[in-house]
Amino acid sequence: MPQNSIQYQYKPENFHLSEPNKYQPEQLKREEMILSLGPQHPSTHGVLRIEVITDGELIVDVVPHVGYLHRCFEKHAESMPYNQVIPYVDRMDYLAAMNNEHAYVMGVERMLGIEKEIPKRVEYIRVLVAELNRIASHFVAIGTYGLDIGAYTPFLWLMRDREHIQRLLEWTCGARMLYNYIWIGGLFYDLPVGFEERCRDFVRYLKPKLLELQKLVIENKIFIQRTANIGILPLPMAINYGCSGPILRASGLRFDLRRVDGYSVYPELEFEIPIGSGEMGTLGDCWDRNNVRVLECHESLRIIEQCLDRLQTDLKRTRDFDPQAMVPKKIRPKAMDFYIRAENPKGELGYFFRADGKSDIPFRCKARSCCFHNLSVLPEISKGALIADLIAIIGSLDLVMGEVDR
């Protein structure tokens, strides 16, 4: 043993196990510890670093650190023409690229004043592919959430069913995730011959699978115990932090831009807006957020069926139909500031444009990220929770960091 070391010896007289605790509770000091989750932690949904201040197993505070997946979308958009920005739009929320494109394209079309000239068949195809992508995005959210809290089977089931959607969209435009399909003034191409029939077969296949998913996951006793009364987000707090999408609706507010703004052909379609009920716990908890996503998948199937009905009856494909007929040769909006918003799978995605009237390149283009606002509420709903519950809370927010760090 080194000379400078101290040798500790066990002496029974130093331990008085039978003696009552001489320290009063108010004299005990809390010992806080700082933990770091990420940026490569598998349960932080991408490159998100969470700084957690804990007191034992209890969370005292949470500090999100972003910027590990910076897409530079806004500066890319300010250096190229409007129509060449679409591939970069795909890369923000890369799980819902069709929805990103739909919102961006609508904004530019309204700036040009051609939104009412878009053919109905084009509009219905846009809504059809956007709702397919909405289901695919929710499947990733619910499936990976099962992995976060220890359930492996739901992830396999949902990735299996999501693969059908990926193949349909790949058949449409040749890409599996980053599509570049919805163009300003039209589409890259019309739907392939036979797409409507195969899509209808998929809808018939998926309906009973969603009911199985509800029984396997949402109504599962263990799932309820892990998510009910966890990460409760009161409605006033959700509004103050700018939350939107399933996060906001799970707190009880029936707010959906497809109904509120009535863009594209959504006013012509029938569907419900699911909201949280607090059925298994408290309104606005993790269980409500996942339940709302599953219910939205049912409503998206209703929308898809209605789109297929229109596309196969009064909006049938014809030889003279050109989905690029309204695509402008030169895109040069008048000098203006313009904001457009749309209902993405994760919430309100908005684009702010500033056009100088002289160039076909946006002078300013800024994206309003729904994931960024939904992430900002994380510290408030995590305080007082357990470390294991923090993973469940993060997963329930359904974050994609490519949009947060845009």
Protein backbone atom coordinates (compact mmCIF):
# COMPACT_ATOMS: atom_id res chain seq x y z
CA MET A 1 0.00 0.00 0.00
CA PRO A 2 1.43 3.49 -0.85
CA GLN A 3 2.76 5.49 2.10
CA ASN A 4 0.42 8.46 1.56
CA SER A 5 -2.72 6.34 1.35
CA ILE A 6 -5.14 6.03 4.24
CA GLN A 7 -6.16 2.62 5.43
CA TYR A 8 -9.81 2.36 6.44
CA GLN A 9 -10.67 -0.18 9.09
CA TYR A 10 -14.07 -1.48 10.04
CA LYS A 11 -14.75 -0.69 13.70
CA PRO A 12 -18.09 -1.83 15.09
CA GLU A 13 -18.15 1.01 17.61
CA ASN A 14 -18.30 3.54 14.76
CA PHE A 15 -21.69 2.17 13.55
CA HIS A 16 -24.83 2.56 15.66
CA LEU A 17 -27.48 0.89 13.56
CA SER A 18 -29.97 0.79 16.39
CA GLU A 19 -29.55 4.48 17.19
CA PRO A 20 -32.31 6.68 15.74
CA ASN A 21 -31.36 9.12 12.99
CA LYS A 22 -29.94 12.19 14.70
CA TYR A 23 -30.33 14.35 11.58
CA GLN A 24 -33.62 16.18 11.11
CA PRO A 25 -35.24 16.08 7.63
CA GLU A 26 -34.83 19.83 7.17
CA GLN A 27 -31.08 19.46 7.65
CA LEU A 28 -30.71 16.97 4.78
CA LYS A 29 -29.46 18.68 1.61
CA ARG A 30 -30.68 17.78 -1.83
CA GLU A 31 -27.96 16.42 -4.12
CA GLU A 32 -28.52 17.36 -7.76
CA MET A 33 -26.82 15.70 -10.69
CA ILE A 34 -26.58 16.70 -14.35
CA LEU A 35 -27.17 13.97 -16.92
CA SER A 36 -26.84 14.26 -20.68
CA LEU A 37 -29.16 12.40 -23.04
CA GLY A 38 -27.90 12.53 -26.59
CA PRO A 39 -27.19 13.80 -29.09
CA GLN A 40 -26.99 10.19 -30.29
CA HIS A 41 -29.19 8.62 -27.64
CA PRO A 42 -31.62 6.21 -29.39
CA SER A 43 -34.58 7.51 -27.40
CA THR A 44 -34.14 11.20 -28.22
CA HIS A 45 -35.47 10.81 -31.78
CA GLY A 46 -32.48 12.05 -33.69
CA VAL A 47 -29.57 14.26 -32.84
CA LEU A 48 -31.15 16.05 -29.88
CA ARG A 49 -29.16 16.65 -26.72
CA ILE A 50 -31.15 16.92 -23.50
CA GLU A 51 -29.43 18.26 -20.38
CA VAL A 52 -31.29 16.80 -17.40
CA ILE A 53 -30.89 18.09 -13.85
CA THR A 54 -32.01 15.37 -11.48
CA ASP A 55 -32.49 14.86 -7.76
CA GLY A 56 -32.11 11.12 -7.54
CA GLU A 57 -34.72 9.75 -9.95
CA LEU A 58 -36.76 12.97 -9.99
CA ILE A 59 -36.30 15.58 -12.71
CA VAL A 60 -35.64 19.10 -11.49
CA ASP A 61 -35.18 20.73 -14.89
CA VAL A 62 -34.66 19.88 -18.56
CA VAL A 63 -32.68 21.97 -21.04
CA PRO A 64 -32.90 20.98 -24.74
CA HIS A 65 -29.87 21.78 -26.90
CA VAL A 66 -30.53 21.90 -30.65
CA GLY A 67 -28.40 22.55 -33.70
CA TYR A 68 -26.83 19.15 -34.29
CA LEU A 69 -28.70 18.55 -37.57
CA HIS A 70 -28.75 21.98 -39.16
CA ARG A 71 -30.33 21.81 -42.62
CA CYS A 72 -29.59 25.42 -43.66
CA PHE A 73 -32.97 25.35 -45.41
CA GLU A 74 -33.67 29.06 -45.18
CA LYS A 75 -30.32 30.15 -46.65
CA HIS A 76 -30.55 27.53 -49.38
CA ALA A 77 -34.02 28.88 -50.26
CA GLU A 78 -32.65 32.43 -50.52
CA SER A 79 -30.04 31.44 -53.09
CA MET A 80 -32.07 29.65 -55.78
CA PRO A 81 -35.35 30.04 -57.71
CA TYR A 82 -38.65 29.19 -56.04
CA ASN A 83 -39.16 25.97 -57.98
CA GLN A 84 -35.68 24.65 -57.12
CA VAL A 85 -36.33 24.99 -53.37
CA ILE A 86 -38.74 22.02 -53.27
CA PRO A 87 -36.05 19.30 -52.83
CA TYR A 88 -34.77 21.21 -49.79
CA VAL A 89 -38.31 21.47 -48.39
CA ASP A 90 -38.43 17.66 -48.33
CA ARG A 91 -35.42 17.48 -46.04
CA MET A 92 -36.88 19.36 -43.09
CA ASP A 93 -39.48 16.92 -41.78
CA TYR A 94 -38.18 14.08 -43.91
CA LEU A 95 -40.94 11.77 -42.62
CA ALA A 96 -43.65 14.00 -44.12
CA ALA A 97 -42.06 15.37 -47.29
CA MET A 98 -45.33 15.45 -49.28
CA ASN A 99 -46.96 17.63 -46.63
CA ASN A 100 -43.95 19.98 -46.61
CA GLU A 101 -44.19 20.36 -50.37
CA HIS A 102 -47.93 20.92 -50.31
CA ALA A 103 -47.66 23.88 -47.93
CA TYR A 104 -44.72 25.48 -49.76
CA VAL A 105 -46.28 25.12 -53.20
CA MET A 106 -49.61 26.60 -52.05
CA GLY A 107 -47.77 29.65 -50.71
CA VAL A 108 -45.96 30.36 -53.98
CA GLU A 109 -49.13 29.74 -56.02
CA ARG A 110 -51.08 32.25 -53.93
CA MET A 111 -48.29 34.81 -54.34
CA LEU A 112 -48.52 34.32 -58.11
CA GLY A 113 -52.35 34.42 -58.03
CA ILE A 114 -52.80 31.07 -59.79
CA GLU A 115 -54.19 28.99 -56.92
CA LYS A 116 -57.71 29.00 -58.40
CA GLU A 117 -56.45 27.84 -61.79
CA ILE A 118 -54.99 24.56 -60.50
CA PRO A 119 -56.99 21.62 -61.98
CA LYS A 120 -59.20 19.73 -59.54
CA ARG A 121 -57.54 16.43 -60.38
CA VAL A 122 -54.18 17.89 -59.35
CA GLU A 123 -55.63 19.15 -56.05
CA TYR A 124 -57.18 15.79 -55.21
CA ILE A 125 -53.96 13.96 -56.02
CA ARG A 126 -52.07 16.35 -53.74
CA VAL A 127 -54.42 15.67 -50.86
CA LEU A 128 -54.32 11.93 -51.55
CA VAL A 129 -50.52 11.66 -51.36
CA ALA A 130 -50.37 14.09 -48.41
CA GLU A 131 -52.76 11.93 -46.38
CA LEU A 132 -50.84 8.79 -47.27
CA ASN A 133 -47.72 10.51 -45.99
CA ARG A 134 -49.59 11.61 -42.84
CA ILE A 135 -50.36 7.98 -42.00
CA ALA A 136 -46.75 6.96 -42.70
CA SER A 137 -45.49 9.73 -40.39
CA HIS A 138 -47.85 8.71 -37.58
CA PHE A 139 -46.77 5.09 -37.98
CA VAL A 140 -43.16 6.08 -37.33
CA ALA A 141 -44.24 8.14 -34.31
CA ILE A 142 -46.30 5.34 -32.73
CA GLY A 143 -43.89 2.55 -33.64
CA THR A 144 -40.75 4.23 -32.32
CA TYR A 145 -42.67 5.29 -29.24
CA GLY A 146 -43.30 1.62 -28.52
CA LEU A 147 -39.54 1.04 -28.75
CA ASP A 148 -38.90 3.92 -26.35
CA ILE A 149 -40.97 2.36 -23.60
CA GLY A 150 -40.01 -1.26 -24.23
CA ALA A 151 -42.51 -2.66 -26.76
CA TYR A 152 -40.90 -4.15 -29.86
CA THR A 153 -43.81 -5.81 -31.67
CA PRO A 154 -45.79 -2.62 -32.51
CA PHE A 155 -42.71 -1.19 -34.22
CA LEU A 156 -42.40 -4.23 -36.49
CA TRP A 157 -46.11 -4.18 -37.33
CA LEU A 158 -46.15 -0.48 -38.17
CA MET A 159 -42.96 -0.59 -40.25
CA ARG A 160 -44.51 -3.49 -42.19
CA ASP A 161 -47.66 -1.48 -42.95
CA ARG A 162 -45.72 1.73 -43.60
CA GLU A 163 -43.77 -0.14 -46.27
CA HIS A 164 -46.98 -0.41 -48.33
CA ILE A 165 -47.27 3.39 -48.31
CA GLN A 166 -43.60 3.81 -49.19
CA ARG A 167 -44.03 1.54 -52.20
CA LEU A 168 -47.13 3.41 -53.38
CA LEU A 169 -45.34 6.75 -53.19
CA GLU A 170 -42.24 5.29 -54.80
CA TRP A 171 -44.40 4.04 -57.64
CA THR A 172 -45.76 7.57 -58.03
CA CYS A 173 -42.52 9.55 -58.19
CA GLY A 174 -39.58 7.16 -57.92
CA ALA A 175 -38.48 8.12 -54.39
CA ARG A 176 -39.21 6.53 -51.03
CA MET A 177 -38.83 9.51 -48.68
CA LEU A 178 -37.73 12.72 -50.45
CA TYR A 179 -40.24 13.00 -53.26
CA ASN A 180 -40.07 16.33 -55.16
CA TYR A 181 -43.51 15.39 -56.51
CA ILE A 182 -45.77 18.39 -55.82
CA TRP A 183 -44.64 21.22 -58.07
CA ILE A 184 -45.62 24.88 -58.29
CA GLY A 185 -48.64 24.88 -60.58
CA GLY A 186 -49.06 21.12 -60.77
CA LEU A 187 -47.32 17.79 -60.23
CA PHE A 188 -44.20 16.04 -61.42
CA TYR A 189 -46.39 13.46 -63.14
CA ASP A 190 -49.89 12.04 -63.07
CA LEU A 191 -50.65 8.96 -60.97
CA PRO A 192 -49.46 5.69 -62.56
CA VAL A 193 -52.09 3.58 -64.30
CA GLY A 194 -53.66 1.28 -61.73
CA PHE A 195 -52.60 3.39 -58.74
CA GLU A 196 -56.16 4.07 -57.60
CA GLU A 197 -57.07 0.38 -57.52
CA ARG A 198 -53.95 -0.62 -55.62
CA CYS A 199 -54.40 2.26 -53.17
CA ARG A 200 -58.00 1.18 -52.52
CA ASP A 201 -56.77 -2.36 -51.82
CA PHE A 202 -54.33 -0.89 -49.30
CA VAL A 203 -57.14 1.01 -47.55
CA ARG A 204 -59.16 -2.19 -47.21
CA TYR A 205 -56.08 -3.95 -45.84
CA LEU A 206 -55.20 -1.22 -43.33
CA LYS A 207 -58.59 -0.68 -41.70
CA PRO A 208 -58.59 -3.92 -39.64
CA LYS A 209 -54.86 -3.50 -38.96
CA LEU A 210 -55.54 -0.15 -37.28
CA LEU A 211 -58.12 -1.78 -35.03
CA GLU A 212 -55.55 -4.45 -34.11
CA LEU A 213 -53.04 -1.71 -33.36
CA GLN A 214 -55.51 0.00 -31.06
CA LYS A 215 -56.00 -3.20 -29.07
CA LEU A 216 -52.32 -4.18 -29.08
CA VAL A 217 -50.94 -0.79 -28.05
CA ILE A 218 -53.39 1.93 -27.07
CA GLU A 219 -55.65 -0.29 -24.96
CA ASN A 220 -52.79 -2.38 -23.57
CA LYS A 221 -52.66 -2.32 -19.76
CA ILE A 222 -48.87 -1.89 -19.60
CA PHE A 223 -48.96 0.88 -22.22
CA ILE A 224 -51.62 2.70 -20.25
CA GLN A 225 -49.61 2.44 -17.03
CA ARG A 226 -46.52 3.87 -18.78
CA THR A 227 -48.31 6.78 -20.48
CA ALA A 228 -51.41 7.77 -18.50
CA ASN A 229 -50.91 10.78 -16.18
CA ILE A 230 -47.38 11.26 -17.62
CA GLY A 231 -46.25 14.49 -19.29
CA ILE A 232 -49.55 16.31 -18.76
CA LEU A 233 -49.83 19.37 -21.01
CA PRO A 234 -52.66 21.72 -19.90
CA LEU A 235 -54.45 23.49 -22.74
CA PRO A 236 -53.48 27.07 -21.69
CA MET A 237 -49.82 26.06 -21.59
CA ALA A 238 -50.08 24.40 -25.01
CA ILE A 239 -51.56 27.58 -26.49
CA ASN A 240 -49.00 29.87 -24.82
CA TYR A 241 -46.09 27.83 -26.16
CA GLY A 242 -47.50 27.72 -29.70
CA CYS A 243 -48.03 23.96 -29.76
CA SER A 244 -50.07 22.59 -32.64
CA GLY A 245 -51.12 19.37 -34.31
CA PRO A 246 -51.81 16.22 -32.25
CA ILE A 247 -49.96 17.80 -29.29
CA LEU A 248 -52.49 20.63 -29.10
CA ARG A 249 -55.54 18.54 -29.94
CA ALA A 250 -54.62 15.97 -27.28
CA SER A 251 -55.01 18.77 -24.74
CA GLY A 252 -58.65 19.20 -25.77
CA LEU A 253 -58.71 21.92 -28.47
CA ARG A 254 -60.35 20.94 -31.77
CA PHE A 255 -58.03 23.03 -33.96
CA ASP A 256 -57.01 21.70 -37.36
CA LEU A 257 -55.91 23.97 -40.20
CA ARG A 258 -57.54 21.67 -42.74
CA ARG A 259 -60.83 22.87 -41.22
CA VAL A 260 -59.87 26.30 -39.86
CA ASP A 261 -58.22 27.59 -43.06
CA GLY A 262 -59.98 25.21 -45.44
CA TYR A 263 -57.13 25.08 -47.94
CA SER A 264 -56.94 22.95 -51.10
CA VAL A 265 -60.01 20.66 -51.44
CA TYR A 266 -60.35 19.82 -47.74
CA PRO A 267 -63.62 21.81 -47.43
CA GLU A 268 -65.16 19.34 -49.92
CA LEU A 269 -64.22 16.30 -47.82
CA GLU A 270 -65.84 14.81 -44.74
CA PHE A 271 -63.68 13.92 -41.75
CA GLU A 272 -63.60 14.43 -38.00
CA ILE A 273 -60.99 16.16 -35.83
CA PRO A 274 -60.04 13.80 -32.95
CA ILE A 275 -59.14 15.39 -29.61
CA GLY A 276 -57.90 14.13 -26.26
CA SER A 277 -60.42 12.87 -23.74
CA GLY A 278 -58.47 12.03 -20.60
CA GLU A 279 -60.13 8.62 -20.79
CA MET A 280 -57.26 6.65 -19.25
CA GLY A 281 -55.66 9.39 -17.16
CA THR A 282 -55.51 13.17 -17.33
CA LEU A 283 -56.39 15.25 -20.37
CA GLY A 284 -53.26 16.07 -22.35
CA ASP A 285 -51.04 13.22 -21.14
CA CYS A 286 -48.82 10.92 -23.21
CA TRP A 287 -51.64 8.43 -23.70
CA ASP A 288 -53.92 11.07 -25.20
CA ARG A 289 -51.23 12.20 -27.64
CA ASN A 290 -50.74 8.68 -28.98
CA ASN A 291 -54.45 7.95 -29.08
CA VAL A 292 -55.09 11.09 -31.14
CA ARG A 293 -52.53 9.96 -33.72
CA VAL A 294 -54.18 6.57 -34.12
CA LEU A 295 -57.61 8.18 -34.50
CA GLU A 296 -56.20 10.58 -37.10
CA CYS A 297 -55.02 7.60 -39.15
CA HIS A 298 -58.65 6.42 -39.32
CA GLU A 299 -59.73 9.88 -40.53
CA SER A 300 -56.95 9.99 -43.12
CA LEU A 301 -58.24 6.72 -44.55
CA ARG A 302 -61.68 8.34 -44.89
CA ILE A 303 -60.12 11.25 -46.78
CA ILE A 304 -58.15 8.90 -49.05
CA GLU A 305 -61.29 6.94 -49.92
CA GLN A 306 -63.14 10.14 -50.86
CA CYS A 307 -60.22 11.29 -53.01
CA LEU A 308 -60.16 7.92 -54.80
CA ASP A 309 -63.90 8.13 -55.42
CA ARG A 310 -63.54 11.53 -57.08
CA LEU A 311 -60.47 10.50 -59.08
CA GLN A 312 -62.24 7.42 -60.40
CA THR A 313 -65.56 9.11 -61.29
CA ASP A 314 -65.80 12.73 -62.40
CA LEU A 315 -62.03 13.42 -62.31
CA LYS A 316 -60.87 10.45 -64.37
CA ARG A 317 -57.54 10.56 -66.13
CA THR A 318 -57.73 11.62 -69.79
CA ARG A 319 -55.21 11.63 -72.61
CA ASP A 320 -55.15 15.42 -72.79
CA PHE A 321 -54.65 15.93 -69.04
CA ASP A 322 -51.26 17.50 -68.34
CA PRO A 323 -50.37 17.87 -64.62
CA GLN A 324 -47.67 20.40 -65.59
CA ALA A 325 -49.91 22.59 -67.75
CA MET A 326 -50.09 25.36 -65.13
CA VAL A 327 -46.41 25.23 -64.14
CA PRO A 328 -45.14 28.78 -64.81
CA LYS A 329 -42.04 29.17 -66.96
CA LYS A 330 -40.77 32.06 -64.86
CA ILE A 331 -41.73 32.48 -61.21
CA ARG A 332 -41.51 36.12 -60.22
CA PRO A 333 -44.12 37.21 -57.63
CA LYS A 334 -44.94 40.87 -57.01
CA ALA A 335 -43.14 42.66 -54.20
CA MET A 336 -44.88 41.51 -51.02
CA ASP A 337 -44.59 39.77 -47.66
CA PHE A 338 -46.63 36.59 -47.49
CA TYR A 339 -47.27 33.83 -44.95
CA ILE A 340 -48.86 30.45 -45.65
CA ARG A 341 -49.60 27.66 -43.19
CA ALA A 342 -50.84 24.09 -43.44
CA GLU A 343 -51.63 21.15 -41.15
CA ASN A 344 -48.68 18.79 -41.17
CA PRO A 345 -48.70 15.45 -39.29
CA LYS A 346 -46.83 17.14 -36.43
CA GLY A 347 -48.66 20.47 -36.43
CA GLU A 348 -48.71 23.85 -38.14
CA LEU A 349 -45.99 24.25 -40.75
CA GLY A 350 -45.72 27.79 -42.06
CA TYR A 351 -43.62 29.61 -44.64
CA PHE A 352 -42.91 33.32 -44.67
CA PHE A 353 -41.87 34.80 -48.00
CA ARG A 354 -40.54 38.23 -48.85
CA ALA A 355 -40.42 38.91 -52.58
CA ASP A 356 -38.77 42.00 -54.05
CA GLY A 357 -40.70 41.81 -57.35
CA LYS A 358 -37.49 41.85 -59.41
CA SER A 359 -36.06 38.36 -58.98
CA ASP A 360 -37.22 34.76 -59.21
CA ILE A 361 -35.24 34.05 -56.03
CA PRO A 362 -36.91 34.71 -52.63
CA PHE A 363 -35.41 37.72 -50.88
CA ARG A 364 -36.39 36.04 -47.58
CA CYS A 365 -37.81 32.62 -46.86
CA LYS A 366 -38.42 31.44 -43.31
CA ALA A 367 -40.07 28.24 -42.09
CA ARG A 368 -42.26 28.13 -38.98
CA SER A 369 -41.45 24.73 -37.50
CA CYS A 370 -44.16 22.91 -35.54
CA CYS A 371 -41.56 20.57 -34.00
CA PHE A 372 -39.58 23.52 -32.63
CA HIS A 373 -42.61 24.87 -30.76
CA ASN A 374 -43.65 21.43 -29.55
CA LEU A 375 -40.12 20.83 -28.22
CA SER A 376 -40.12 24.14 -26.35
CA VAL A 377 -42.78 22.87 -23.93
CA LEU A 378 -40.66 19.88 -22.86
CA PRO A 379 -39.09 21.52 -19.75
CA GLU A 380 -42.51 22.50 -18.39
CA ILE A 381 -44.16 19.09 -18.66
CA SER A 382 -41.10 17.15 -17.45
CA LYS A 383 -40.46 18.77 -14.07
CA GLY A 384 -41.18 16.38 -11.22
CA ALA A 385 -41.30 13.33 -13.49
CA LEU A 386 -39.01 10.31 -13.25
CA ILE A 387 -36.06 9.80 -15.58
CA ALA A 388 -37.78 6.78 -17.15
CA ASP A 389 -40.86 8.93 -17.78
CA LEU A 390 -38.78 11.59 -19.54
CA ILE A 391 -38.14 9.16 -22.41
CA ALA A 392 -41.89 8.57 -22.68
CA ILE A 393 -42.53 12.33 -22.70
CA ILE A 394 -39.96 13.06 -25.42
CA GLY A 395 -41.31 10.27 -27.61
CA SER A 396 -44.90 11.52 -27.27
CA LEU A 397 -43.91 14.87 -28.82
CA ASP A 398 -42.91 13.18 -32.13
CA LEU A 399 -39.90 15.35 -32.94
CA VAL A 400 -37.92 15.44 -36.19
CA MET A 401 -34.74 17.41 -35.71
CA GLY A 402 -34.31 18.24 -39.39
CA GLU A 403 -37.26 20.62 -38.97
CA VAL A 404 -36.19 21.92 -35.55
CA ASP A 405 -32.69 22.83 -36.77
CA ARG A 406 -33.91 23.92 -40.22
